[in-house]
Protein backbone atom coordinates (compact mmCIF):
# COMPACT_ATOMS: atom_id res chain seq x y z
CA UNK A 1 19.71 -30.50 13.17
CA UNK A 2 20.79 -27.04 14.70
CA UNK A 3 24.00 -28.42 15.98
CA UNK A 4 25.93 -25.79 18.70
CA UNK A 5 29.54 -25.12 18.46
CA UNK A 6 31.31 -28.17 20.03
CA UNK A 7 32.27 -26.39 23.27
CA UNK A 8 28.82 -25.50 24.30
CA UNK A 9 26.75 -27.46 26.18
CA UNK A 10 23.46 -26.41 24.30
CA UNK A 11 20.83 -28.39 23.22
CA UNK A 12 20.65 -29.56 19.26
CA UNK A 13 18.16 -28.23 17.48
CA UNK A 14 16.59 -30.14 14.44
CA UNK A 15 16.56 -28.16 11.31
CA UNK A 16 15.10 -30.73 9.00
CA UNK A 17 13.43 -34.17 9.52
CA UNK A 18 14.77 -36.66 11.61
CA UNK A 19 16.07 -40.25 9.99
CA UNK A 20 12.26 -41.56 10.11
CA UNK A 21 11.46 -38.55 7.94
CA UNK A 22 9.25 -36.74 10.61
CA UNK A 23 9.21 -33.36 11.63
CA UNK A 24 10.93 -32.50 15.13
CA UNK A 25 8.26 -32.00 17.90
CA UNK A 26 8.86 -30.16 21.17
CA UNK A 27 8.63 -31.61 24.64
CA UNK A 28 6.51 -30.51 27.53
CA UNK A 29 8.81 -27.43 28.51
CA UNK A 30 8.64 -26.47 24.59
CA UNK A 31 12.23 -27.57 23.68
CA UNK A 32 13.50 -30.10 20.87
CA UNK A 33 14.88 -32.92 21.18
CA UNK A 34 18.71 -33.55 20.74
CA UNK A 35 18.60 -37.22 19.69
CA UNK A 36 17.37 -36.33 16.24
CA UNK A 37 19.48 -37.14 12.94
CA UNK A 38 19.61 -34.19 10.26
CA UNK A 39 18.30 -35.94 6.81
CA UNK A 40 18.35 -32.89 4.38
CA UNK A 41 18.80 -33.28 0.67
CA UNK A 42 22.24 -32.28 -0.38
CA UNK A 43 22.43 -29.08 -2.00
CA UNK A 44 23.88 -28.06 -5.37
CA UNK A 45 24.54 -24.45 -5.90
CA UNK A 46 25.38 -22.31 -8.43
CA UNK A 47 28.36 -19.75 -8.20
CA UNK A 48 25.48 -17.06 -8.98
CA UNK A 49 22.91 -17.28 -6.80
CA UNK A 50 19.54 -15.64 -6.18
CA UNK A 51 19.05 -14.37 -2.63
CA UNK A 52 16.65 -12.29 -0.83
CA UNK A 53 18.01 -10.02 1.99
CA UNK A 54 15.88 -9.02 4.86
CA UNK A 55 17.37 -6.03 6.60
CA UNK A 56 19.28 -4.65 4.12
CA UNK A 57 19.46 -1.02 5.32
CA UNK A 58 20.50 -1.71 8.91
CA UNK A 59 24.05 -1.47 10.10
CA UNK A 60 25.47 -4.75 9.22
CA UNK A 61 22.47 -4.89 6.35
CA UNK A 62 24.41 -2.27 4.18
CA UNK A 63 27.56 -4.11 4.59
CA UNK A 64 25.99 -7.65 3.77
CA UNK A 65 24.11 -6.03 0.55
CA UNK A 66 27.27 -4.88 -1.04
CA UNK A 67 29.05 -7.88 -0.36
CA UNK A 68 26.61 -10.04 -2.17
CA UNK A 69 26.48 -7.70 -5.09
CA UNK A 70 30.48 -7.60 -5.26
CA UNK A 71 30.00 -11.78 -5.56
CA UNK A 72 27.96 -11.59 -8.14
CA UNK A 73 24.67 -12.52 -6.63
CA UNK A 74 21.29 -11.62 -8.11
CA UNK A 75 20.02 -9.48 -5.15
CA UNK A 76 16.75 -8.47 -3.84
CA UNK A 77 15.80 -6.78 -0.66
CA UNK A 78 12.83 -6.03 1.16
CA UNK A 79 12.56 -2.72 2.35
CA UNK A 80 9.98 -0.15 3.64
CA UNK A 81 11.85 3.08 2.53
CA UNK A 82 13.61 2.73 -0.89
CA UNK A 83 15.97 5.68 -0.60
CA UNK A 84 17.44 3.95 1.76
CA UNK A 85 18.33 1.20 -0.56
CA UNK A 86 18.86 3.31 -3.56
CA UNK A 87 22.58 2.69 -3.61
CA UNK A 88 21.85 -1.58 -3.72
CA UNK A 89 19.53 -0.26 -6.72
CA UNK A 90 22.29 1.81 -8.68
CA UNK A 91 24.29 -1.42 -8.60
CA UNK A 92 21.58 -3.74 -10.08
CA UNK A 93 19.48 -4.95 -7.04
CA UNK A 94 15.92 -5.65 -7.46
CA UNK A 95 13.90 -3.54 -4.86
CA UNK A 96 10.74 -4.51 -3.20
CA UNK A 97 8.78 -2.22 -0.93
CA UNK A 98 7.43 -3.84 2.02
CA UNK A 99 7.61 -4.80 5.45
CA UNK A 100 9.93 -8.15 6.96
CA UNK A 101 7.24 -8.41 9.44
CA UNK A 102 4.40 -8.70 7.16
CA UNK A 103 4.05 -12.26 6.13
CA UNK A 104 2.38 -11.75 2.86
CA UNK A 105 5.16 -9.30 1.80
CA UNK A 106 8.05 -11.73 2.74
CA UNK A 107 6.42 -14.36 0.96
CA UNK A 108 5.83 -12.34 -2.18
CA UNK A 109 9.65 -11.27 -1.97
CA UNK A 110 10.87 -14.83 -1.45
CA UNK A 111 9.11 -15.86 -4.82
CA UNK A 112 11.74 -17.16 -7.38
CA UNK A 113 14.77 -16.74 -4.78
CA UNK A 114 16.93 -19.49 -3.80
CA UNK A 115 18.34 -18.61 -0.60
CA UNK A 116 16.93 -15.70 2.03
CA UNK A 117 19.27 -14.17 4.57
CA UNK A 118 17.83 -12.37 7.57
CA UNK A 119 19.52 -9.72 9.52
CA UNK A 120 16.28 -8.23 10.97
CA UNK A 121 16.61 -7.53 14.66
CA UNK A 122 16.06 -4.94 17.39
CA UNK A 123 18.42 -4.50 20.21
CA UNK A 124 15.95 -2.51 22.42
CA UNK A 125 12.44 -3.56 23.25
CA UNK A 126 10.97 0.05 21.59
CA UNK A 127 9.45 1.31 19.32
CA UNK A 128 9.08 -2.51 17.89
CA UNK A 129 9.06 -5.43 20.71
CA UNK A 130 11.57 -8.27 21.00
CA UNK A 131 8.55 -10.25 20.46
CA UNK A 132 7.45 -9.13 17.09
CA UNK A 133 10.80 -8.59 15.40
CA UNK A 134 13.47 -11.11 17.05
CA UNK A 135 11.04 -13.87 17.78
CA UNK A 136 8.53 -13.56 14.99
CA UNK A 137 10.73 -12.45 12.44
CA UNK A 138 12.61 -15.90 11.99
CA UNK A 139 9.12 -17.66 11.90
CA UNK A 140 7.60 -15.25 8.90
CA UNK A 141 11.34 -15.88 7.21
CA UNK A 142 11.00 -19.85 7.32
CA UNK A 143 7.34 -19.52 6.64
CA UNK A 144 8.31 -17.74 2.93
CA UNK A 145 11.13 -19.97 2.54
CA UNK A 146 8.67 -22.98 2.63
CA UNK A 147 6.37 -20.82 0.19
CA UNK A 148 8.93 -20.33 -2.14
CA UNK A 149 10.77 -23.53 -2.19
CA UNK A 150 13.84 -21.75 -1.04
CA UNK A 151 17.13 -24.31 -0.92
CA UNK A 152 18.52 -22.76 2.42
CA UNK A 153 18.22 -19.63 4.84
CA UNK A 154 20.83 -18.26 6.91
CA UNK A 155 19.75 -16.47 9.96
CA UNK A 156 21.88 -13.87 11.91
CA UNK A 157 22.20 -13.89 15.60
CA UNK A 158 23.99 -13.09 18.73
CA UNK A 159 26.93 -15.04 20.44
CA UNK A 160 24.93 -14.52 24.13
CA UNK A 161 21.90 -15.81 22.64
CA UNK A 162 20.46 -17.95 25.60
CA UNK A 163 17.27 -18.51 27.57
CA UNK A 164 17.78 -16.57 30.75
CA UNK A 165 15.41 -14.00 31.96
CA UNK A 166 18.07 -11.84 33.18
CA UNK A 167 18.76 -11.09 29.68
CA UNK A 168 15.62 -10.12 27.60
CA UNK A 169 17.79 -9.41 24.38
CA UNK A 170 19.73 -12.50 24.49
CA UNK A 171 16.59 -14.30 25.24
CA UNK A 172 14.57 -13.16 22.39
CA UNK A 173 17.78 -13.93 19.89
CA UNK A 174 17.25 -17.71 21.27
CA UNK A 175 13.44 -17.71 21.00
CA UNK A 176 14.13 -16.61 17.32
CA UNK A 177 16.56 -19.26 16.73
CA UNK A 178 13.83 -21.93 18.18
CA UNK A 179 11.29 -20.79 15.53
CA UNK A 180 13.89 -21.30 12.71
CA UNK A 181 14.55 -24.77 14.24
CA UNK A 182 10.59 -25.97 14.47
CA UNK A 183 10.06 -24.56 11.08
CA UNK A 184 11.91 -27.60 9.81
CA UNK A 185 13.66 -25.57 7.09
CA UNK A 186 17.36 -25.92 5.73
CA UNK A 187 19.26 -23.50 7.53
CA UNK A 188 22.19 -21.96 9.19
CA UNK A 189 22.57 -19.73 12.43
CA UNK A 190 25.83 -17.09 12.38
CA UNK A 191 25.85 -15.90 15.89
CA UNK A 192 28.51 -12.81 16.05
CA UNK A 193 30.37 -11.53 18.51
CA UNK A 194 30.32 -7.59 18.76
CA UNK A 195 30.59 -6.18 14.88
CA UNK A 196 32.39 -2.85 14.47
CA UNK A 197 32.14 -0.50 11.17
CA UNK A 198 33.38 2.60 10.23
CA UNK A 199 29.82 3.91 11.14
CA UNK A 200 26.75 3.15 12.75
CA UNK A 201 26.57 -0.09 15.30
CA UNK A 202 28.87 0.28 18.40
CA UNK A 203 30.80 3.47 16.89
CA UNK A 204 27.41 5.69 17.53
CA UNK A 205 27.14 4.01 21.11
CA UNK A 206 30.57 5.14 21.85
CA UNK A 207 30.60 8.70 20.54
CA UNK A 208 26.96 9.33 22.13
CA UNK A 209 28.62 8.16 25.56
CA UNK A 210 32.09 10.37 25.02
CA UNK A 211 30.05 13.52 24.55
CA UNK A 212 27.45 12.55 27.81
CA UNK A 213 29.14 14.40 30.83
CA UNK A 214 32.69 15.84 31.89
CA UNK A 215 33.98 12.58 32.42
CA UNK A 216 34.00 9.35 30.23
CA UNK A 217 32.16 6.54 32.23
CA UNK A 218 33.67 3.05 31.69
CA UNK A 219 31.84 0.19 33.10
CA UNK A 220 34.12 -1.81 34.91
CA UNK A 221 33.52 -5.44 33.76
CA UNK A 222 36.78 -6.82 34.86
CA UNK A 223 37.85 -9.62 32.81
CA UNK A 224 34.91 -9.95 31.21
CA UNK A 225 35.67 -10.76 27.37
CA UNK A 226 34.35 -9.96 23.71
CA UNK A 227 35.64 -11.09 20.17
CA UNK A 228 35.14 -8.28 17.70
CA UNK A 229 34.96 -8.79 14.21
CA UNK A 230 35.21 -6.07 11.22
CA UNK A 231 31.51 -5.41 9.37
CA UNK A 232 33.65 -6.08 6.27
CA UNK A 233 34.73 -9.48 7.73
CA UNK A 234 31.43 -10.90 9.36
CA UNK A 235 29.29 -9.51 6.01
CA UNK A 236 31.69 -11.79 3.91
CA UNK A 237 31.02 -14.98 6.52
CA UNK A 238 27.58 -14.33 5.76
CA UNK A 239 27.55 -14.62 1.94
CA UNK A 240 29.81 -17.36 1.69
CA UNK A 241 27.23 -19.28 4.06
CA UNK A 242 24.94 -19.57 1.33
CA UNK A 243 27.74 -21.55 -0.61
CA UNK A 244 28.28 -23.67 2.07
CA UNK A 245 25.88 -26.72 2.47
CA UNK A 246 28.00 -28.46 5.03
CA UNK A 247 27.20 -25.54 7.59
CA UNK A 248 23.51 -26.57 7.33
CA UNK A 249 21.48 -26.98 10.49
CA UNK A 250 24.29 -25.73 12.51
CA UNK A 251 24.87 -23.04 14.92
CA UNK A 252 28.41 -20.94 13.93
CA UNK A 253 29.76 -19.08 16.70
CA UNK A 254 32.07 -16.41 15.14
CA UNK A 255 34.64 -13.64 16.25
CA UNK A 256 37.51 -11.73 15.25
CA UNK A 257 41.35 -12.72 15.89
CA UNK A 258 41.41 -10.76 19.13
CA UNK A 259 40.00 -11.61 22.28
CA UNK A 260 39.64 -8.32 24.27
CA UNK A 261 37.51 -6.64 26.99
CA UNK A 262 34.61 -4.14 26.70
CA UNK A 263 37.28 -1.08 28.27
CA UNK A 264 39.81 -2.08 25.75
CA UNK A 265 37.40 -1.38 22.72
CA UNK A 266 36.09 1.76 24.11
CA UNK A 267 39.66 2.78 24.99
CA UNK A 268 40.56 2.16 21.14
CA UNK A 269 37.73 4.41 20.23
CA UNK A 270 38.87 7.30 22.71
CA UNK A 271 42.43 7.18 21.57
CA UNK A 272 41.40 7.29 18.18
CA UNK A 273 39.47 10.29 18.59
CA UNK A 274 42.53 11.91 21.03
CA UNK A 275 39.69 12.39 23.60
CA UNK A 276 41.29 13.75 26.58
CA UNK A 277 38.37 13.61 29.30
CA UNK A 278 39.01 11.81 32.47
CA UNK A 279 37.97 8.32 32.44
CA UNK A 280 36.14 7.07 35.54
CA UNK A 281 35.66 3.27 35.89
CA UNK A 282 32.28 2.49 37.68
CA UNK A 283 31.02 -0.77 38.79
CA UNK A 284 28.06 -1.52 36.26
CA UNK A 285 25.44 -2.15 39.17
CA UNK A 286 25.58 1.26 40.04
CA UNK A 287 25.09 2.53 36.78
CA UNK A 288 21.69 0.68 36.61
CA UNK A 289 19.42 3.11 38.31
CA UNK A 290 20.30 6.00 36.18
CA UNK A 291 20.24 3.57 32.75
CA UNK A 292 16.27 2.69 34.38
CA UNK A 293 15.48 6.85 34.65
CA UNK A 294 16.95 6.98 31.03
CA UNK A 295 15.13 4.46 29.58
CA UNK A 296 11.65 5.44 31.19
CA UNK A 297 12.07 9.50 30.44
CA UNK A 298 14.22 9.46 27.21
CA UNK A 299 13.10 7.99 23.35
CA UNK A 300 16.40 6.93 22.47
CA UNK A 301 18.25 6.67 25.88
CA UNK A 302 22.29 6.54 25.93
CA UNK A 303 22.22 2.83 27.55
CA UNK A 304 19.82 0.14 28.82
CA UNK A 305 19.83 -1.96 32.00
CA UNK A 306 19.63 -4.67 29.77
CA UNK A 307 22.46 -3.62 27.66
CA UNK A 308 24.64 -3.03 30.96
CA UNK A 309 24.16 -6.60 31.72
CA UNK A 310 24.68 -8.04 28.57
CA UNK A 311 28.08 -6.70 28.62
CA UNK A 312 28.72 -8.24 31.75
CA UNK A 313 28.73 -11.79 30.39
CA UNK A 314 31.51 -13.31 27.90
CA UNK A 315 30.87 -12.81 24.12
CA UNK A 316 33.23 -15.01 22.73
CA UNK A 317 33.30 -17.72 19.52
CA UNK A 318 34.07 -21.52 19.90
CA UNK A 319 37.81 -20.54 19.11
CA UNK A 320 40.01 -17.87 17.96
CA UNK A 321 40.30 -19.05 14.70
CA UNK A 322 36.48 -19.63 14.34
CA UNK A 323 36.17 -18.03 10.58
CA UNK A 324 39.74 -19.56 9.65
CA UNK A 325 38.17 -22.96 10.92
CA UNK A 326 34.62 -22.45 8.89
CA UNK A 327 35.37 -20.27 5.93
CA UNK A 328 39.47 -20.59 5.54
CA UNK A 329 40.49 -17.42 5.94
CA UNK A 330 41.77 -14.86 8.85
CA UNK A 331 39.78 -11.48 9.68
CA UNK A 332 41.46 -8.45 10.17
CA UNK A 333 42.65 -7.65 13.77
CA UNK A 334 40.50 -5.01 14.96
CA UNK A 335 42.78 -3.08 17.11
CA UNK A 336 45.07 -2.51 14.25
CA UNK A 337 42.20 -1.56 11.91
CA UNK A 338 40.50 1.13 14.56
CA UNK A 339 43.25 3.77 14.74
CA UNK A 340 42.76 4.73 10.87
CA UNK A 341 39.27 4.23 10.53
CA UNK A 342 38.13 5.78 13.70
CA UNK A 343 40.03 8.36 13.57
CA UNK A 344 37.95 10.95 12.38
CA UNK A 345 33.68 11.00 12.63
CA UNK A 346 31.99 9.81 9.68
CA UNK A 347 30.22 11.97 7.46
CA UNK A 348 26.28 11.52 8.29
CA UNK A 349 24.28 11.43 4.99
């Protein structure tokens, strides 16, 4: 079963047959029962594995792809634009051109692989929708894993995943997790807090927001907490997860060694760049109307109402030492990493 962290009151999600060898069935509400017991054949994993990575050219995907290659795994990536994966090919990865949301393409790409990792997701509901990416994507991956006879899958999700109409993105991630759980495929779900890197991701958002207007607007989320983790460390967790059969059927929530507020993280960026604009703290509710207008009028708005709401809830793992508990090592504190690595704007290629 997909078991949530010990501190969570979320339901358990079966990933395998129960003790009688039966596949899990949903109840009238469409949820999976909590009483099933996972009965999966133990995996015997080789040191070097054949891995299909979906979502390899995105912000997090680039980090995971290089970590897989660093570890000596035989990497295969499914990409729409092979030019974006040229660096992986140069290091020995196999490139297959296709769409990770095309069932036939994913099934073909999965043939001969032992493990499938999916990082495919969108944070906004356009141009591709939450339904077709965040919900259908995990189901397509699971079907491909079955067809290929893969030993396991790893789905990367978000700590905030929940069924809640107030949070469209979080709900879509939860629904995607459910799709994987219902498939019966042996897998691990890794939920991360905010992932920080030397380029892309939240750094791009901070750069755009800091350039907008004569003042820096900081949403007043109060003591709402996040547990940011560096991309390098998050990628290492993903790669090591495929060699940990004890994580199968579990939902693992992971974050860095520091619990901080959104204002603190944004402040790290502003200080690292030496941005001296006045800082204006504004209640999030006052930002919603403007974000709504931007979402309608702009192709790529600075921020959306759903994103404003998401940062208003705690996004922390099941413990400050979640990484060391599950993987045996301690991640780098972002507060000591940011001043040096965010000091200069990354070179855009």
